[in-house]
Amino acid sequence: MRPHEPLIRQAVLADAPGMQACVDAAYQHYIARIGRSPGPMLDDYTDVVQRHQAFVAEDQAQIIGVLVLIHKDNGILLDNVAVRPAYQGKGIGRRLLTLAETEALRQGFAHIDLYTHARMTENIALYQRLGYVETARRTERGYQRVYMRKALSQTTQALGGSTYA
């Protein structure tokens, strides 16, 4: 890890308030676009840490990034990746996405799934650039969701590695 590079580590219960604050900051600008708070803003992060595989990126004791993975019968769902606006564009989101893919591979899965809101077009474009392919569009709980999947290989792991504490 380079000096001043944010640490990525497994989330603990004490991180829940910081995770909520990070997610709220990251998703705030989408409220007007989609007409309501995005799903991740409504999550109970104490519950998330207890029930799912969650990671945080931390810089100077502040949570600046969040990754939530949910185990499904046939794989892993990348449920949430969020980075505080002041830290966006600095590679933290990419590190969290690489960690998600590495974790899916480590656990024996050949793909990783995610969904995003249809109006979060920049996210869809980013995921497509990273090799995710759209698999479905559905309206669920009032949200217009775009489902995507990425096939994984051992090369994914070699490119980014899973460096977290």
C-alpha atoms as a PDB file:
ATOM      1  CA  MET A   1       0.000   0.000   0.000  1.00  0.00           C
ATOM      2  CA  ARG A   2       1.335   3.426  -0.960  1.00  0.00           C
ATOM      3  CA  PRO A   3       1.502   6.160   1.692  1.00  0.00           C
ATOM      4  CA  HIS A   4      -1.869   7.904   2.139  1.00  0.00           C
ATOM      5  CA  GLU A   5      -3.634   5.275   0.039  1.00  0.00           C
ATOM      6  CA  PRO A   6      -6.981   4.497   1.655  1.00  0.00           C
ATOM      7  CA  LEU A   7      -7.145   1.205   3.520  1.00  0.00           C
ATOM      8  CA  ILE A   8      -9.784  -1.294   2.411  1.00  0.00           C
ATOM      9  CA  ARG A   9     -10.911  -3.667   5.132  1.00  0.00           C
ATOM     10  CA  GLN A  10     -13.794  -5.850   6.223  1.00  0.00           C
ATOM     11  CA  ALA A  11     -16.549  -3.761   7.814  1.00  0.00           C
ATOM     12  CA  VAL A  12     -17.385  -4.150  11.510  1.00  0.00           C
ATOM     13  CA  LEU A  13     -20.565  -3.132  13.352  1.00  0.00           C
ATOM     14  CA  ALA A  14     -19.015   0.120  14.556  1.00  0.00           C
ATOM     15  CA  ASP A  15     -18.665   1.154  10.889  1.00  0.00           C
ATOM     16  CA  ALA A  16     -22.432   1.209  10.259  1.00  0.00           C
ATOM     17  CA  PRO A  17     -22.976   4.970  10.870  1.00  0.00           C
ATOM     18  CA  GLY A  18     -19.963   5.867   8.703  1.00  0.00           C
ATOM     19  CA  MET A  19     -21.160   3.505   5.979  1.00  0.00           C
ATOM     20  CA  GLN A  20     -24.593   5.176   6.021  1.00  0.00           C
ATOM     21  CA  ALA A  21     -23.014   8.639   5.797  1.00  0.00           C
ATOM     22  CA  CYS A  22     -20.791   7.558   2.907  1.00  0.00           C
ATOM     23  CA  VAL A  23     -23.689   5.988   0.997  1.00  0.00           C
ATOM     24  CA  ASP A  24     -25.911   9.025   1.598  1.00  0.00           C
ATOM     25  CA  ALA A  25     -23.219  11.370   0.282  1.00  0.00           C
ATOM     26  CA  ALA A  26     -22.504   9.169  -2.750  1.00  0.00           C
ATOM     27  CA  TYR A  27     -26.137   8.714  -3.795  1.00  0.00           C
ATOM     28  CA  GLN A  28     -27.614  12.098  -2.780  1.00  0.00           C
ATOM     29  CA  HIS A  29     -27.435  13.565  -6.282  1.00  0.00           C
ATOM     30  CA  TYR A  30     -29.536  10.711  -7.706  1.00  0.00           C
ATOM     31  CA  ILE A  31     -32.645  11.568  -5.662  1.00  0.00           C
ATOM     32  CA  ALA A  32     -33.829  14.287  -8.055  1.00  0.00           C
ATOM     33  CA  ARG A  33     -33.031  12.157 -11.107  1.00  0.00           C
ATOM     34  CA  ILE A  34     -34.961   9.065 -10.024  1.00  0.00           C
ATOM     35  CA  GLY A  35     -37.594  10.831  -7.926  1.00  0.00           C
ATOM     36  CA  ARG A  36     -36.814   9.096  -4.643  1.00  0.00           C
ATOM     37  CA  SER A  37     -33.918   7.907  -2.506  1.00  0.00           C
ATOM     38  CA  PRO A  38     -31.938   5.127  -4.185  1.00  0.00           C
ATOM     39  CA  GLY A  39     -32.287   1.741  -2.476  1.00  0.00           C
ATOM     40  CA  PRO A  40     -28.846   1.751  -0.819  1.00  0.00           C
ATOM     41  CA  MET A  41     -29.758   4.928   1.083  1.00  0.00           C
ATOM     42  CA  LEU A  42     -32.619   3.030   2.739  1.00  0.00           C
ATOM     43  CA  ASP A  43     -30.522   0.099   3.997  1.00  0.00           C
ATOM     44  CA  ASP A  44     -29.832  -0.500   7.677  1.00  0.00           C
ATOM     45  CA  TYR A  45     -26.039  -0.812   7.697  1.00  0.00           C
ATOM     46  CA  THR A  46     -25.943  -2.543  11.076  1.00  0.00           C
ATOM     47  CA  ASP A  47     -28.054  -5.270   9.482  1.00  0.00           C
ATOM     48  CA  VAL A  48     -25.929  -5.191   6.315  1.00  0.00           C
ATOM     49  CA  VAL A  49     -22.699  -5.774   8.261  1.00  0.00           C
ATOM     50  CA  GLN A  50     -24.307  -8.610  10.248  1.00  0.00           C
ATOM     51  CA  ARG A  51     -25.888 -10.411   7.276  1.00  0.00           C
ATOM     52  CA  HIS A  52     -23.642  -9.792   4.289  1.00  0.00           C
ATOM     53  CA  GLN A  53     -20.035  -9.462   3.262  1.00  0.00           C
ATOM     54  CA  ALA A  54     -19.223  -5.767   3.636  1.00  0.00           C
ATOM     55  CA  PHE A  55     -16.020  -3.797   3.192  1.00  0.00           C
ATOM     56  CA  VAL A  56     -15.061  -0.185   3.755  1.00  0.00           C
ATOM     57  CA  ALA A  57     -12.401   2.075   2.322  1.00  0.00           C
ATOM     58  CA  GLU A  58     -11.043   4.283   5.058  1.00  0.00           C
ATOM     59  CA  ASP A  59      -8.896   7.407   4.948  1.00  0.00           C
ATOM     60  CA  GLN A  60      -7.808   9.184   8.128  1.00  0.00           C
ATOM     61  CA  ALA A  61     -10.485   7.372  10.186  1.00  0.00           C
ATOM     62  CA  GLN A  62     -13.291   8.402   7.794  1.00  0.00           C
ATOM     63  CA  ILE A  63     -15.208   5.849   5.737  1.00  0.00           C
ATOM     64  CA  ILE A  64     -14.915   7.032   2.159  1.00  0.00           C
ATOM     65  CA  GLY A  65     -16.055   3.909   0.320  1.00  0.00           C
ATOM     66  CA  VAL A  66     -18.448   1.015   0.841  1.00  0.00           C
ATOM     67  CA  LEU A  67     -18.761  -2.378  -0.826  1.00  0.00           C
ATOM     68  CA  VAL A  68     -21.568  -4.827  -0.049  1.00  0.00           C
ATOM     69  CA  LEU A  69     -21.682  -8.359  -1.448  1.00  0.00           C
ATOM     70  CA  ILE A  70     -24.685 -10.643  -1.005  1.00  0.00           C
ATOM     71  CA  HIS A  71     -24.373 -14.395  -1.396  1.00  0.00           C
ATOM     72  CA  LYS A  72     -27.026 -15.906  -3.647  1.00  0.00           C
ATOM     73  CA  ASP A  73     -27.635 -19.547  -4.573  1.00  0.00           C
ATOM     74  CA  ASN A  74     -25.809 -19.225  -7.881  1.00  0.00           C
ATOM     75  CA  GLY A  75     -23.218 -16.565  -7.109  1.00  0.00           C
ATOM     76  CA  ILE A  76     -22.517 -13.217  -5.584  1.00  0.00           C
ATOM     77  CA  LEU A  77     -24.543 -10.055  -6.022  1.00  0.00           C
ATOM     78  CA  LEU A  78     -22.558  -6.832  -5.895  1.00  0.00           C
ATOM     79  CA  ASP A  79     -25.289  -5.071  -3.945  1.00  0.00           C
ATOM     80  CA  ASN A  80     -23.630  -1.717  -3.403  1.00  0.00           C
ATOM     81  CA  VAL A  81     -20.459   0.145  -4.210  1.00  0.00           C
ATOM     82  CA  ALA A  82     -20.303   3.762  -3.087  1.00  0.00           C
ATOM     83  CA  VAL A  83     -17.543   6.353  -2.802  1.00  0.00           C
ATOM     84  CA  ARG A  84     -17.827   9.768  -1.159  1.00  0.00           C
ATOM     85  CA  PRO A  85     -17.919  12.484  -3.853  1.00  0.00           C
ATOM     86  CA  ALA A  86     -14.659  14.115  -2.713  1.00  0.00           C
ATOM     87  CA  TYR A  87     -12.856  10.804  -3.325  1.00  0.00           C
ATOM     88  CA  GLN A  88     -14.456   9.853  -6.634  1.00  0.00           C
ATOM     89  CA  GLY A  89     -12.162   9.592  -9.635  1.00  0.00           C
ATOM     90  CA  LYS A  90      -9.199   8.492  -7.495  1.00  0.00           C
ATOM     91  CA  GLY A  91      -9.414   4.746  -8.134  1.00  0.00           C
ATOM     92  CA  ILE A  92     -11.197   3.787  -4.913  1.00  0.00           C
ATOM     93  CA  GLY A  93     -14.333   2.570  -6.659  1.00  0.00           C
ATOM     94  CA  ARG A  94     -12.207   0.568  -9.064  1.00  0.00           C
ATOM     95  CA  ARG A  95     -10.348  -1.032  -6.135  1.00  0.00           C
ATOM     96  CA  LEU A  96     -13.661  -1.928  -4.490  1.00  0.00           C
ATOM     97  CA  LEU A  97     -14.996  -3.429  -7.730  1.00  0.00           C
ATOM     98  CA  THR A  98     -11.795  -5.444  -8.162  1.00  0.00           C
ATOM     99  CA  LEU A  99     -12.133  -6.680  -4.594  1.00  0.00           C
ATOM    100  CA  ALA A 100     -15.724  -7.781  -5.324  1.00  0.00           C
ATOM    101  CA  GLU A 101     -14.581  -9.760  -8.346  1.00  0.00           C
ATOM    102  CA  THR A 102     -11.638 -11.252  -6.458  1.00  0.00           C
ATOM    103  CA  GLU A 103     -13.925 -12.319  -3.610  1.00  0.00           C
ATOM    104  CA  ALA A 104     -16.357 -13.955  -6.048  1.00  0.00           C
ATOM    105  CA  LEU A 105     -13.484 -15.909  -7.614  1.00  0.00           C
ATOM    106  CA  ARG A 106     -12.012 -16.827  -4.235  1.00  0.00           C
ATOM    107  CA  GLN A 107     -15.383 -18.260  -3.242  1.00  0.00           C
ATOM    108  CA  GLY A 108     -15.537 -20.356  -6.394  1.00  0.00           C
ATOM    109  CA  PHE A 109     -17.917 -18.357  -8.572  1.00  0.00           C
ATOM    110  CA  ALA A 110     -17.379 -17.832 -12.293  1.00  0.00           C
ATOM    111  CA  HIS A 111     -19.393 -14.607 -12.470  1.00  0.00           C
ATOM    112  CA  ILE A 112     -20.603 -11.663 -10.443  1.00  0.00           C
ATOM    113  CA  ASP A 113     -23.992  -9.970 -10.761  1.00  0.00           C
ATOM    114  CA  LEU A 114     -25.187  -6.456 -10.013  1.00  0.00           C
ATOM    115  CA  TYR A 115     -28.062  -4.152 -10.704  1.00  0.00           C
ATOM    116  CA  THR A 116     -28.334  -0.408 -10.950  1.00  0.00           C
ATOM    117  CA  HIS A 117     -31.120   2.043 -11.630  1.00  0.00           C
ATOM    118  CA  ALA A 118     -31.897   2.585 -15.325  1.00  0.00           C
ATOM    119  CA  ARG A 119     -31.481   6.355 -14.860  1.00  0.00           C
ATOM    120  CA  MET A 120     -27.959   5.947 -13.457  1.00  0.00           C
ATOM    121  CA  THR A 121     -26.673   5.884 -17.010  1.00  0.00           C
ATOM    122  CA  GLU A 122     -23.076   6.726 -16.128  1.00  0.00           C
ATOM    123  CA  ASN A 123     -22.955   3.650 -13.872  1.00  0.00           C
ATOM    124  CA  ILE A 124     -24.300   1.437 -16.664  1.00  0.00           C
ATOM    125  CA  ALA A 125     -21.654   2.802 -19.045  1.00  0.00           C
ATOM    126  CA  LEU A 126     -18.896   2.249 -16.458  1.00  0.00           C
ATOM    127  CA  TYR A 127     -19.958  -1.324 -15.796  1.00  0.00           C
ATOM    128  CA  GLN A 128     -20.080  -2.026 -19.546  1.00  0.00           C
ATOM    129  CA  ARG A 129     -16.526  -0.681 -19.919  1.00  0.00           C
ATOM    130  CA  LEU A 130     -15.473  -3.034 -17.120  1.00  0.00           C
ATOM    131  CA  GLY A 131     -16.914  -6.069 -18.909  1.00  0.00           C
ATOM    132  CA  TYR A 132     -20.399  -6.326 -17.410  1.00  0.00           C
ATOM    133  CA  VAL A 133     -23.175  -7.323 -19.816  1.00  0.00           C
ATOM    134  CA  GLU A 134     -26.830  -6.410 -19.394  1.00  0.00           C
ATOM    135  CA  THR A 135     -28.948  -9.471 -18.642  1.00  0.00           C
ATOM    136  CA  ALA A 136     -32.385  -8.016 -17.781  1.00  0.00           C
ATOM    137  CA  ARG A 137     -34.450  -4.922 -17.028  1.00  0.00           C
ATOM    138  CA  ARG A 138     -37.178  -5.088 -14.416  1.00  0.00           C
ATOM    139  CA  THR A 139     -39.190  -2.760 -12.220  1.00  0.00           C
ATOM    140  CA  GLU A 140     -38.969  -3.908  -8.617  1.00  0.00           C
ATOM    141  CA  ARG A 141     -40.294  -2.070  -5.558  1.00  0.00           C
ATOM    142  CA  GLY A 142     -40.823   0.952  -7.811  1.00  0.00           C
ATOM    143  CA  TYR A 143     -37.219   1.019  -9.095  1.00  0.00           C
ATOM    144  CA  GLN A 144     -36.361   0.558 -12.777  1.00  0.00           C
ATOM    145  CA  ARG A 145     -33.428  -1.842 -12.501  1.00  0.00           C
ATOM    146  CA  VAL A 146     -30.845  -2.893 -15.036  1.00  0.00           C
ATOM    147  CA  TYR A 147     -29.290  -6.259 -14.179  1.00  0.00           C
ATOM    148  CA  MET A 148     -25.751  -6.967 -15.323  1.00  0.00           C
ATOM    149  CA  ARG A 149     -23.292  -9.855 -15.099  1.00  0.00           C
ATOM    150  CA  LYS A 150     -19.559 -10.176 -15.555  1.00  0.00           C
ATOM    151  CA  ALA A 151     -17.868 -13.476 -16.325  1.00  0.00           C
ATOM    152  CA  LEU A 152     -14.754 -13.813 -14.211  1.00  0.00           C
ATOM    153  CA  SER A 153     -11.454 -15.534 -14.822  1.00  0.00           C
ATOM    154  CA  GLN A 154      -8.251 -15.989 -12.889  1.00  0.00           C
ATOM    155  CA  THR A 155      -6.850 -13.024 -14.859  1.00  0.00           C
ATOM    156  CA  THR A 156      -9.266 -10.777 -12.983  1.00  0.00           C
ATOM    157  CA  GLN A 157      -7.558 -11.743  -9.758  1.00  0.00           C
ATOM    158  CA  ALA A 158      -4.083 -11.179 -11.190  1.00  0.00           C
ATOM    159  CA  LEU A 159      -4.975  -7.674 -12.384  1.00  0.00           C
ATOM    160  CA  GLY A 160      -6.230  -6.249  -9.124  1.00  0.00           C
ATOM    161  CA  GLY A 161      -5.629  -8.605  -6.275  1.00  0.00           C
ATOM    162  CA  SER A 162      -7.495  -8.569  -3.004  1.00  0.00           C
ATOM    163  CA  THR A 163      -5.471  -6.239  -0.849  1.00  0.00           C
ATOM    164  CA  TYR A 164      -7.485  -5.506   2.241  1.00  0.00           C
ATOM    165  CA  ALA A 165      -6.757  -5.851   5.910  1.00  0.00           C
END
